[in-house]
PDB file of N, CA and C in Angstrom:
ATOM      1  N   MET A   1      -6.829  23.762   5.099  1.00  0.00           N
ATOM      2  CA  MET A   1      -5.510  23.780   5.659  1.00  0.00           C
ATOM      3  C   MET A   1      -5.416  24.793   6.785  1.00  0.00           C
ATOM      4  N   HIS A   2      -6.170  25.861   6.651  1.00  0.00           N
ATOM      5  CA  HIS A   2      -6.178  26.865   7.709  1.00  0.00           C
ATOM      6  C   HIS A   2      -6.666  26.245   9.013  1.00  0.00           C
ATOM      7  N   ASP A   3      -7.700  25.434   8.937  1.00  0.00           N
ATOM      8  CA  ASP A   3      -8.236  24.790  10.142  1.00  0.00           C
ATOM      9  C   ASP A   3      -7.215  23.838  10.766  1.00  0.00           C
ATOM     10  N   VAL A   4      -6.489  23.097   9.940  1.00  0.00           N
ATOM     11  CA  VAL A   4      -5.461  22.185  10.453  1.00  0.00           C
ATOM     12  C   VAL A   4      -4.421  22.965  11.242  1.00  0.00           C
ATOM     13  N   LEU A   5      -3.930  24.046  10.655  1.00  0.00           N
ATOM     14  CA  LEU A   5      -2.907  24.847  11.329  1.00  0.00           C
ATOM     15  C   LEU A   5      -3.444  25.495  12.599  1.00  0.00           C
ATOM     16  N   THR A   6      -4.673  25.969  12.570  1.00  0.00           N
ATOM     17  CA  THR A   6      -5.274  26.574  13.760  1.00  0.00           C
ATOM     18  C   THR A   6      -5.394  25.554  14.880  1.00  0.00           C
ATOM     19  N   LEU A   7      -5.900  24.374  14.559  1.00  0.00           N
ATOM     20  CA  LEU A   7      -6.042  23.336  15.582  1.00  0.00           C
ATOM     21  C   LEU A   7      -4.695  22.964  16.182  1.00  0.00           C
ATOM     22  N   GLU A   8      -3.691  22.815  15.341  1.00  0.00           N
ATOM     23  CA  GLU A   8      -2.380  22.400  15.844  1.00  0.00           C
ATOM     24  C   GLU A   8      -1.657  23.514  16.587  1.00  0.00           C
ATOM     25  N   ARG A   9      -1.593  24.694  15.996  1.00  0.00           N
ATOM     26  CA  ARG A   9      -0.811  25.778  16.590  1.00  0.00           C
ATOM     27  C   ARG A   9      -1.497  26.423  17.791  1.00  0.00           C
ATOM     28  N   LYS A  10      -2.757  26.740  17.641  1.00  0.00           N
ATOM     29  CA  LYS A  10      -3.458  27.476  18.702  1.00  0.00           C
ATOM     30  C   LYS A  10      -3.960  26.568  19.811  1.00  0.00           C
ATOM     31  N   PHE A  11      -4.502  25.415  19.429  1.00  0.00           N
ATOM     32  CA  PHE A  11      -5.143  24.551  20.415  1.00  0.00           C
ATOM     33  C   PHE A  11      -4.347  23.284  20.738  1.00  0.00           C
ATOM     34  N   GLN A  12      -3.211  23.081  20.064  1.00  0.00           N
ATOM     35  CA  GLN A  12      -2.367  21.908  20.283  1.00  0.00           C
ATOM     36  C   GLN A  12      -3.143  20.596  20.110  1.00  0.00           C
ATOM     37  N   VAL A  13      -3.988  20.553  19.087  1.00  0.00           N
ATOM     38  CA  VAL A  13      -4.782  19.370  18.769  1.00  0.00           C
ATOM     39  C   VAL A  13      -4.249  18.784  17.465  1.00  0.00           C
ATOM     40  N   PRO A  14      -3.869  17.512  17.457  1.00  0.00           N
ATOM     41  CA  PRO A  14      -3.416  16.891  16.211  1.00  0.00           C
ATOM     42  C   PRO A  14      -4.508  16.969  15.151  1.00  0.00           C
ATOM     43  N   ALA A  15      -4.129  17.283  13.910  1.00  0.00           N
ATOM     44  CA  ALA A  15      -5.136  17.444  12.863  1.00  0.00           C
ATOM     45  C   ALA A  15      -4.571  17.075  11.504  1.00  0.00           C
ATOM     46  N   ILE A  16      -5.451  16.619  10.638  1.00  0.00           N
ATOM     47  CA  ILE A  16      -5.121  16.374   9.239  1.00  0.00           C
ATOM     48  C   ILE A  16      -6.286  16.875   8.404  1.00  0.00           C
ATOM     49  N   ALA A  17      -6.019  17.082   7.133  1.00  0.00           N
ATOM     50  CA  ALA A  17      -7.067  17.468   6.189  1.00  0.00           C
ATOM     51  C   ALA A  17      -7.332  16.300   5.260  1.00  0.00           C
ATOM     52  N   LEU A  18      -8.587  15.943   5.118  1.00  0.00           N
ATOM     53  CA  LEU A  18      -8.988  14.955   4.121  1.00  0.00           C
ATOM     54  C   LEU A  18      -9.306  15.739   2.863  1.00  0.00           C
ATOM     55  N   VAL A  19      -8.578  15.467   1.786  1.00  0.00           N
ATOM     56  CA  VAL A  19      -8.657  16.276   0.578  1.00  0.00           C
ATOM     57  C   VAL A  19      -8.934  15.375  -0.623  1.00  0.00           C
ATOM     58  N   SER A  20      -9.824  15.819  -1.489  1.00  0.00           N
ATOM     59  CA  SER A  20     -10.064  15.099  -2.731  1.00  0.00           C
ATOM     60  C   SER A  20      -8.759  15.018  -3.513  1.00  0.00           C
ATOM     61  N   SER A  21      -8.493  13.858  -4.113  1.00  0.00           N
ATOM     62  CA  SER A  21      -7.245  13.669  -4.851  1.00  0.00           C
ATOM     63  C   SER A  21      -7.079  14.693  -5.970  1.00  0.00           C
ATOM     64  N   ALA A  22      -8.163  15.229  -6.485  1.00  0.00           N
ATOM     65  CA  ALA A  22      -8.084  16.240  -7.539  1.00  0.00           C
ATOM     66  C   ALA A  22      -7.576  17.580  -7.016  1.00  0.00           C
ATOM     67  N   LEU A  23      -7.589  17.758  -5.705  1.00  0.00           N
ATOM     68  CA  LEU A  23      -7.201  19.040  -5.107  1.00  0.00           C
ATOM     69  C   LEU A  23      -5.927  18.947  -4.275  1.00  0.00           C
ATOM     70  N   GLY A  24      -5.188  17.856  -4.402  1.00  0.00           N
ATOM     71  CA  GLY A  24      -3.988  17.657  -3.600  1.00  0.00           C
ATOM     72  C   GLY A  24      -2.962  18.754  -3.769  1.00  0.00           C
ATOM     73  N   SER A  25      -2.670  19.142  -5.003  1.00  0.00           N
ATOM     74  CA  SER A  25      -1.656  20.174  -5.220  1.00  0.00           C
ATOM     75  C   SER A  25      -2.112  21.511  -4.658  1.00  0.00           C
ATOM     76  N   GLN A  26      -3.394  21.818  -4.762  1.00  0.00           N
ATOM     77  CA  GLN A  26      -3.916  23.070  -4.208  1.00  0.00           C
ATOM     78  C   GLN A  26      -3.806  23.076  -2.686  1.00  0.00           C
ATOM     79  N   ALA A  27      -4.065  21.944  -2.049  1.00  0.00           N
ATOM     80  CA  ALA A  27      -3.949  21.862  -0.589  1.00  0.00           C
ATOM     81  C   ALA A  27      -2.514  22.113  -0.149  1.00  0.00           C
ATOM     82  N   LEU A  28      -1.556  21.544  -0.879  1.00  0.00           N
ATOM     83  CA  LEU A  28      -0.150  21.759  -0.541  1.00  0.00           C
ATOM     84  C   LEU A  28       0.268  23.201  -0.782  1.00  0.00           C
ATOM     85  N   TYR A  29      -0.233  23.798  -1.854  1.00  0.00           N
ATOM     86  CA  TYR A  29       0.076  25.205  -2.126  1.00  0.00           C
ATOM     87  C   TYR A  29      -0.473  26.090  -1.011  1.00  0.00           C
ATOM     88  N   GLN A  30      -1.728  25.881  -0.656  1.00  0.00           N
ATOM     89  CA  GLN A  30      -2.324  26.688   0.408  1.00  0.00           C
ATOM     90  C   GLN A  30      -1.570  26.499   1.713  1.00  0.00           C
ATOM     91  N   SER A  31      -1.201  25.286   2.004  1.00  0.00           N
ATOM     92  CA  SER A  31      -0.451  25.006   3.215  1.00  0.00           C
ATOM     93  C   SER A  31       0.860  25.783   3.240  1.00  0.00           C
ATOM     94  N   SER A  32       1.582  25.776   2.124  1.00  0.00           N
ATOM     95  CA  SER A  32       2.857  26.505   2.073  1.00  0.00           C
ATOM     96  C   SER A  32       2.638  28.008   2.205  1.00  0.00           C
ATOM     97  N   GLN A  33       1.573  28.522   1.638  1.00  0.00           N
ATOM     98  CA  GLN A  33       1.282  29.949   1.747  1.00  0.00           C
ATOM     99  C   GLN A  33       0.930  30.355   3.175  1.00  0.00           C
ATOM    100  N   LEU A  34       0.447  29.405   3.955  1.00  0.00           N
ATOM    101  CA  LEU A  34       0.118  29.658   5.358  1.00  0.00           C
ATOM    102  C   LEU A  34       1.321  29.435   6.271  1.00  0.00           C
ATOM    103  N   GLY A  35       2.471  29.086   5.689  1.00  0.00           N
ATOM    104  CA  GLY A  35       3.677  28.918   6.479  1.00  0.00           C
ATOM    105  C   GLY A  35       3.910  27.528   7.022  1.00  0.00           C
ATOM    106  N   HIS A  36       3.174  26.570   6.533  1.00  0.00           N
ATOM    107  CA  HIS A  36       3.334  25.191   6.983  1.00  0.00           C
ATOM    108  C   HIS A  36       4.386  24.531   6.109  1.00  0.00           C
ATOM    109  N   THR A  37       5.555  24.289   6.655  1.00  0.00           N
ATOM    110  CA  THR A  37       6.673  23.785   5.860  1.00  0.00           C
ATOM    111  C   THR A  37       6.580  22.298   5.548  1.00  0.00           C
ATOM    112  N   GLU A  38       5.727  21.582   6.235  1.00  0.00           N
ATOM    113  CA  GLU A  38       5.585  20.141   6.002  1.00  0.00           C
ATOM    114  C   GLU A  38       4.120  19.796   5.749  1.00  0.00           C
ATOM    115  N   GLY A  39       3.498  20.533   4.840  1.00  0.00           N
ATOM    116  CA  GLY A  39       2.076  20.370   4.569  1.00  0.00           C
ATOM    117  C   GLY A  39       1.667  18.983   4.145  1.00  0.00           C
ATOM    118  N   GLU A  40       2.549  18.274   3.414  1.00  0.00           N
ATOM    119  CA  GLU A  40       2.189  16.930   2.957  1.00  0.00           C
ATOM    120  C   GLU A  40       1.946  15.980   4.118  1.00  0.00           C
ATOM    121  N   ARG A  41       2.470  16.292   5.282  1.00  0.00           N
ATOM    122  CA  ARG A  41       2.254  15.449   6.453  1.00  0.00           C
ATOM    123  C   ARG A  41       0.863  15.665   7.055  1.00  0.00           C
ATOM    124  N   SER A  42       0.185  16.695   6.611  1.00  0.00           N
ATOM    125  CA  SER A  42      -1.138  17.005   7.153  1.00  0.00           C
ATOM    126  C   SER A  42      -2.251  16.734   6.157  1.00  0.00           C
ATOM    127  N   VAL A  43      -1.933  16.073   5.052  1.00  0.00           N
ATOM    128  CA  VAL A  43      -2.926  15.830   4.005  1.00  0.00           C
ATOM    129  C   VAL A  43      -3.084  14.331   3.781  1.00  0.00           C
ATOM    130  N   VAL A  44      -4.323  13.874   3.795  1.00  0.00           N
ATOM    131  CA  VAL A  44      -4.651  12.516   3.372  1.00  0.00           C
ATOM    132  C   VAL A  44      -5.602  12.668   2.188  1.00  0.00           C
ATOM    133  N   LEU A  45      -5.197  12.096   1.061  1.00  0.00           N
ATOM    134  CA  LEU A  45      -6.008  12.216  -0.149  1.00  0.00           C
ATOM    135  C   LEU A  45      -7.083  11.146  -0.196  1.00  0.00           C
ATOM    136  N   VAL A  46      -8.270  11.585  -0.582  1.00  0.00           N
ATOM    137  CA  VAL A  46      -9.424  10.699  -0.749  1.00  0.00           C
ATOM    138  C   VAL A  46      -9.755  10.684  -2.238  1.00  0.00           C
ATOM    139  N   GLU A  47     -10.040   9.498  -2.757  1.00  0.00           N
ATOM    140  CA  GLU A  47     -10.325   9.364  -4.185  1.00  0.00           C
ATOM    141  C   GLU A  47     -11.408  10.343  -4.639  1.00  0.00           C
ATOM    142  N   HIS A  48     -11.116  11.053  -5.709  1.00  0.00           N
ATOM    143  CA  HIS A  48     -12.051  12.004  -6.313  1.00  0.00           C
ATOM    144  C   HIS A  48     -13.037  11.237  -7.184  1.00  0.00           C
ATOM    145  N   PRO A  49     -14.275  11.641  -7.278  1.00  0.00           N
ATOM    146  CA  PRO A  49     -14.941  12.772  -6.631  1.00  0.00           C
ATOM    147  C   PRO A  49     -15.531  12.385  -5.275  1.00  0.00           C
ATOM    148  N   ILE A  50     -15.799  13.403  -4.486  1.00  0.00           N
ATOM    149  CA  ILE A  50     -16.389  13.200  -3.165  1.00  0.00           C
ATOM    150  C   ILE A  50     -17.815  13.756  -3.119  1.00  0.00           C
ATOM    151  N   SER A  51     -18.006  14.951  -3.631  1.00  0.00           N
ATOM    152  CA  SER A  51     -19.263  15.671  -3.419  1.00  0.00           C
ATOM    153  C   SER A  51     -20.498  14.974  -3.957  1.00  0.00           C
ATOM    154  N   ASP A  52     -20.370  14.213  -5.026  1.00  0.00           N
ATOM    155  CA  ASP A  52     -21.563  13.552  -5.573  1.00  0.00           C
ATOM    156  C   ASP A  52     -21.576  12.044  -5.314  1.00  0.00           C
ATOM    157  N   ALA A  53     -20.732  11.594  -4.395  1.00  0.00           N
ATOM    158  CA  ALA A  53     -20.672  10.163  -4.071  1.00  0.00           C
ATOM    159  C   ALA A  53     -21.889   9.745  -3.250  1.00  0.00           C
ATOM    160  N   THR A  54     -22.327   8.519  -3.442  1.00  0.00           N
ATOM    161  CA  THR A  54     -23.416   7.970  -2.643  1.00  0.00           C
ATOM    162  C   THR A  54     -22.898   7.648  -1.240  1.00  0.00           C
ATOM    163  N   THR A  55     -23.786   7.364  -0.341  1.00  0.00           N
ATOM    164  CA  THR A  55     -23.384   6.989   1.016  1.00  0.00           C
ATOM    165  C   THR A  55     -22.470   5.772   0.987  1.00  0.00           C
ATOM    166  N   ALA A  56     -22.830   4.776   0.211  1.00  0.00           N
ATOM    167  CA  ALA A  56     -22.009   3.560   0.109  1.00  0.00           C
ATOM    168  C   ALA A  56     -20.623   3.883  -0.462  1.00  0.00           C
ATOM    169  N   GLU A  57     -20.565   4.744  -1.465  1.00  0.00           N
ATOM    170  CA  GLU A  57     -19.269   5.127  -2.046  1.00  0.00           C
ATOM    171  C   GLU A  57     -18.417   5.886  -1.026  1.00  0.00           C
ATOM    172  N   LEU A  58     -19.049   6.774  -0.275  1.00  0.00           N
ATOM    173  CA  LEU A  58     -18.312   7.514   0.762  1.00  0.00           C
ATOM    174  C   LEU A  58     -17.783   6.582   1.838  1.00  0.00           C
ATOM    175  N   GLN A  59     -18.587   5.601   2.222  1.00  0.00           N
ATOM    176  CA  GLN A  59     -18.130   4.637   3.211  1.00  0.00           C
ATOM    177  C   GLN A  59     -16.935   3.850   2.691  1.00  0.00           C
ATOM    178  N   GLY A  60     -16.955   3.495   1.422  1.00  0.00           N
ATOM    179  CA  GLY A  60     -15.830   2.791   0.812  1.00  0.00           C
ATOM    180  C   GLY A  60     -14.583   3.658   0.770  1.00  0.00           C
ATOM    181  N   LYS A  61     -14.752   4.928   0.420  1.00  0.00           N
ATOM    182  CA  LYS A  61     -13.609   5.847   0.370  1.00  0.00           C
ATOM    183  C   LYS A  61     -13.030   6.054   1.765  1.00  0.00           C
ATOM    184  N   ALA A  62     -13.900   6.138   2.756  1.00  0.00           N
ATOM    185  CA  ALA A  62     -13.438   6.291   4.143  1.00  0.00           C
ATOM    186  C   ALA A  62     -12.664   5.052   4.586  1.00  0.00           C
ATOM    187  N   ALA A  63     -13.159   3.895   4.241  1.00  0.00           N
ATOM    188  CA  ALA A  63     -12.463   2.653   4.598  1.00  0.00           C
ATOM    189  C   ALA A  63     -11.092   2.585   3.928  1.00  0.00           C
ATOM    190  N   ASP A  64     -11.001   3.089   2.699  1.00  0.00           N
ATOM    191  CA  ASP A  64      -9.733   3.065   1.965  1.00  0.00           C
ATOM    192  C   ASP A  64      -8.648   3.899   2.637  1.00  0.00           C
ATOM    193  N   VAL A  65      -9.016   4.988   3.288  1.00  0.00           N
ATOM    194  CA  VAL A  65      -8.012   5.893   3.873  1.00  0.00           C
ATOM    195  C   VAL A  65      -7.920   5.796   5.397  1.00  0.00           C
ATOM    196  N   TYR A  66      -8.743   4.964   5.997  1.00  0.00           N
ATOM    197  CA  TYR A  66      -8.780   4.891   7.466  1.00  0.00           C
ATOM    198  C   TYR A  66      -7.409   4.620   8.076  1.00  0.00           C
ATOM    199  N   GLN A  67      -6.709   3.606   7.590  1.00  0.00           N
ATOM    200  CA  GLN A  67      -5.401   3.256   8.153  1.00  0.00           C
ATOM    201  C   GLN A  67      -4.390   4.393   7.967  1.00  0.00           C
ATOM    202  N   GLU A  68      -4.462   5.088   6.841  1.00  0.00           N
ATOM    203  CA  GLU A  68      -3.551   6.216   6.616  1.00  0.00           C
ATOM    204  C   GLU A  68      -3.841   7.352   7.601  1.00  0.00           C
ATOM    205  N   ILE A  69      -5.110   7.576   7.906  1.00  0.00           N
ATOM    206  CA  ILE A  69      -5.476   8.604   8.878  1.00  0.00           C
ATOM    207  C   ILE A  69      -4.927   8.246  10.255  1.00  0.00           C
ATOM    208  N   VAL A  70      -5.135   7.025  10.670  1.00  0.00           N
ATOM    209  CA  VAL A  70      -4.633   6.577  11.972  1.00  0.00           C
ATOM    210  C   VAL A  70      -3.117   6.695  12.013  1.00  0.00           C
ATOM    211  N   ARG A  71      -2.452   6.231  10.962  1.00  0.00           N
ATOM    212  CA  ARG A  71      -0.995   6.290  10.900  1.00  0.00           C
ATOM    213  C   ARG A  71      -0.503   7.740  10.959  1.00  0.00           C
ATOM    214  N   SER A  72      -1.168   8.645  10.256  1.00  0.00           N
ATOM    215  CA  SER A  72      -0.700  10.022  10.241  1.00  0.00           C
ATOM    216  C   SER A  72      -0.871  10.717  11.574  1.00  0.00           C
ATOM    217  N   LEU A  73      -1.770  10.257  12.387  1.00  0.00           N
ATOM    218  CA  LEU A  73      -1.988  10.876  13.697  1.00  0.00           C
ATOM    219  C   LEU A  73      -1.211  10.191  14.820  1.00  0.00           C
ATOM    220  N   THR A  74      -0.640   9.013  14.569  1.00  0.00           N
ATOM    221  CA  THR A  74      -0.067   8.252  15.677  1.00  0.00           C
ATOM    222  C   THR A  74       1.340   7.714  15.465  1.00  0.00           C
ATOM    223  N   SER A  75       1.946   7.878  14.302  1.00  0.00           N
ATOM    224  CA  SER A  75       3.239   7.246  14.064  1.00  0.00           C
ATOM    225  C   SER A  75       4.352   7.889  14.888  1.00  0.00           C
ATOM    226  N   GLU A  76       5.459   7.188  14.996  1.00  0.00           N
ATOM    227  CA  GLU A  76       6.575   7.599  15.849  1.00  0.00           C
ATOM    228  C   GLU A  76       7.452   8.681  15.252  1.00  0.00           C
ATOM    229  N   ASP A  77       7.501   8.788  13.952  1.00  0.00           N
ATOM    230  CA  ASP A  77       8.401   9.729  13.296  1.00  0.00           C
ATOM    231  C   ASP A  77       7.559  10.735  12.535  1.00  0.00           C
ATOM    232  N   GLY A  78       7.939  11.986  12.564  1.00  0.00           N
ATOM    233  CA  GLY A  78       7.111  12.956  11.869  1.00  0.00           C
ATOM    234  C   GLY A  78       7.697  14.334  11.833  1.00  0.00           C
ATOM    235  N   PRO A  79       6.845  15.340  11.803  1.00  0.00           N
ATOM    236  CA  PRO A  79       7.276  16.712  11.625  1.00  0.00           C
ATOM    237  C   PRO A  79       8.100  17.247  12.785  1.00  0.00           C
ATOM    238  N   SER A  80       8.695  18.386  12.556  1.00  0.00           N
ATOM    239  CA  SER A  80       9.515  19.015  13.585  1.00  0.00           C
ATOM    240  C   SER A  80       8.674  19.431  14.782  1.00  0.00           C
ATOM    241  N   ALA A  81       9.351  19.762  15.878  1.00  0.00           N
ATOM    242  CA  ALA A  81       8.661  20.086  17.135  1.00  0.00           C
ATOM    243  C   ALA A  81       7.668  21.219  16.980  1.00  0.00           C
ATOM    244  N   ASP A  82       7.992  22.208  16.167  1.00  0.00           N
ATOM    245  CA  ASP A  82       7.075  23.337  16.010  1.00  0.00           C
ATOM    246  C   ASP A  82       5.811  22.974  15.259  1.00  0.00           C
ATOM    247  N   ARG A  83       5.715  21.775  14.713  1.00  0.00           N
ATOM    248  CA  ARG A  83       4.509  21.300  14.034  1.00  0.00           C
ATOM    249  C   ARG A  83       3.783  20.268  14.878  1.00  0.00           C
ATOM    250  N   CYS A  84       3.807  20.427  16.177  1.00  0.00           N
ATOM    251  CA  CYS A  84       3.087  19.531  17.089  1.00  0.00           C
ATOM    252  C   CYS A  84       3.592  18.098  16.989  1.00  0.00           C
ATOM    253  N   ALA A  85       4.895  17.937  16.837  1.00  0.00           N
ATOM    254  CA  ALA A  85       5.470  16.603  16.662  1.00  0.00           C
ATOM    255  C   ALA A  85       5.186  15.696  17.841  1.00  0.00           C
ATOM    256  N   ARG A  86       5.053  16.250  19.018  1.00  0.00           N
ATOM    257  CA  ARG A  86       4.759  15.413  20.181  1.00  0.00           C
ATOM    258  C   ARG A  86       3.368  14.803  20.085  1.00  0.00           C
ATOM    259  N   MET A  87       2.498  15.413  19.315  1.00  0.00           N
ATOM    260  CA  MET A  87       1.100  15.012  19.303  1.00  0.00           C
ATOM    261  C   MET A  87       0.670  14.312  18.020  1.00  0.00           C
ATOM    262  N   ARG A  88       1.145  14.759  16.865  1.00  0.00           N
ATOM    263  CA  ARG A  88       0.759  14.153  15.597  1.00  0.00           C
ATOM    264  C   ARG A  88       2.022  13.740  14.872  1.00  0.00           C
ATOM    265  N   LYS A  89       2.224  12.450  14.763  1.00  0.00           N
ATOM    266  CA  LYS A  89       3.433  11.922  14.143  1.00  0.00           C
ATOM    267  C   LYS A  89       3.059  11.115  12.903  1.00  0.00           C
ATOM    268  N   ARG A  90       3.947  11.151  11.917  1.00  0.00           N
ATOM    269  CA  ARG A  90       3.689  10.381  10.702  1.00  0.00           C
ATOM    270  C   ARG A  90       5.023  10.006  10.081  1.00  0.00           C
ATOM    271  N   ASN A  91       5.206   8.746   9.755  1.00  0.00           N
ATOM    272  CA  ASN A  91       6.482   8.322   9.182  1.00  0.00           C
ATOM    273  C   ASN A  91       6.382   7.990   7.704  1.00  0.00           C
ATOM    274  N   VAL A  92       5.304   8.362   7.070  1.00  0.00           N
ATOM    275  CA  VAL A  92       5.164   8.095   5.643  1.00  0.00           C
ATOM    276  C   VAL A  92       5.252   9.411   4.881  1.00  0.00           C
ATOM    277  N   GLY A  93       5.697   9.325   3.665  1.00  0.00           N
ATOM    278  CA  GLY A  93       5.784  10.510   2.819  1.00  0.00           C
ATOM    279  C   GLY A  93       4.443  10.809   2.183  1.00  0.00           C
ATOM    280  N   PRO A  94       4.400  11.869   1.393  1.00  0.00           N
ATOM    281  CA  PRO A  94       3.154  12.200   0.699  1.00  0.00           C
ATOM    282  C   PRO A  94       2.799  11.101  -0.292  1.00  0.00           C
ATOM    283  N   SER A  95       1.521  10.975  -0.560  1.00  0.00           N
ATOM    284  CA  SER A  95       1.098   9.942  -1.494  1.00  0.00           C
ATOM    285  C   SER A  95       1.599  10.234  -2.903  1.00  0.00           C
ATOM    286  N   GLU A  96       1.651   9.218  -3.724  1.00  0.00           N
ATOM    287  CA  GLU A  96       2.096   9.365  -5.105  1.00  0.00           C
ATOM    288  C   GLU A  96       1.210  10.343  -5.852  1.00  0.00           C
ATOM    289  N   VAL A  97      -0.111  10.267  -5.641  1.00  0.00           N
ATOM    290  CA  VAL A  97      -1.033  11.173  -6.302  1.00  0.00           C
ATOM    291  C   VAL A  97      -0.736  12.609  -5.919  1.00  0.00           C
ATOM    292  N   CYS A  98      -0.471  12.854  -4.647  1.00  0.00           N
ATOM    293  CA  CYS A  98      -0.182  14.197  -4.180  1.00  0.00           C
ATOM    294  C   CYS A  98       1.092  14.726  -4.840  1.00  0.00           C
ATOM    295  N   MET A  99       2.101  13.915  -4.926  1.00  0.00           N
ATOM    296  CA  MET A  99       3.365  14.343  -5.520  1.00  0.00           C
ATOM    297  C   MET A  99       3.228  14.614  -7.014  1.00  0.00           C
ATOM    298  N   LEU A 100       2.273  13.988  -7.655  1.00  0.00           N
ATOM    299  CA  LEU A 100       2.062  14.205  -9.081  1.00  0.00           C
ATOM    300  C   LEU A 100       1.154  15.396  -9.358  1.00  0.00           C
ATOM    301  N   GLY A 101       0.721  16.061  -8.298  1.00  0.00           N
ATOM    302  CA  GLY A 101      -0.116  17.243  -8.487  1.00  0.00           C
ATOM    303  C   GLY A 101      -1.590  16.920  -8.558  1.00  0.00           C
ATOM    304  N   GLY A 102      -1.952  15.765  -8.000  1.00  0.00           N
ATOM    305  CA  GLY A 102      -3.282  15.315  -7.773  1.00  0.00           C
ATOM    306  C   GLY A 102      -4.329  15.426  -8.732  1.00  0.00           C
TER     307      GLY A 102
END
């Protein structure tokens, strides 16, 4: 989450974090501790586990979240201006898994 905020705030580069679904609540907590008031807009959850997945499994997981990644970086409605709204827009809420504490 630190990298997402650095890219957006310092370099004005749209960014999201791909996070294992098991760590969704931790990503949101860290985001809030870093002062990001709309952290759920910067998180795309990937089905857990990731670290021991085969290449084929990783490709499948990437395909599953591809459209959400594109949508989170390009949609018309999204975070406030101070969160790089001109550059990274998203009109969807946090995923159900994220809201349940992942």
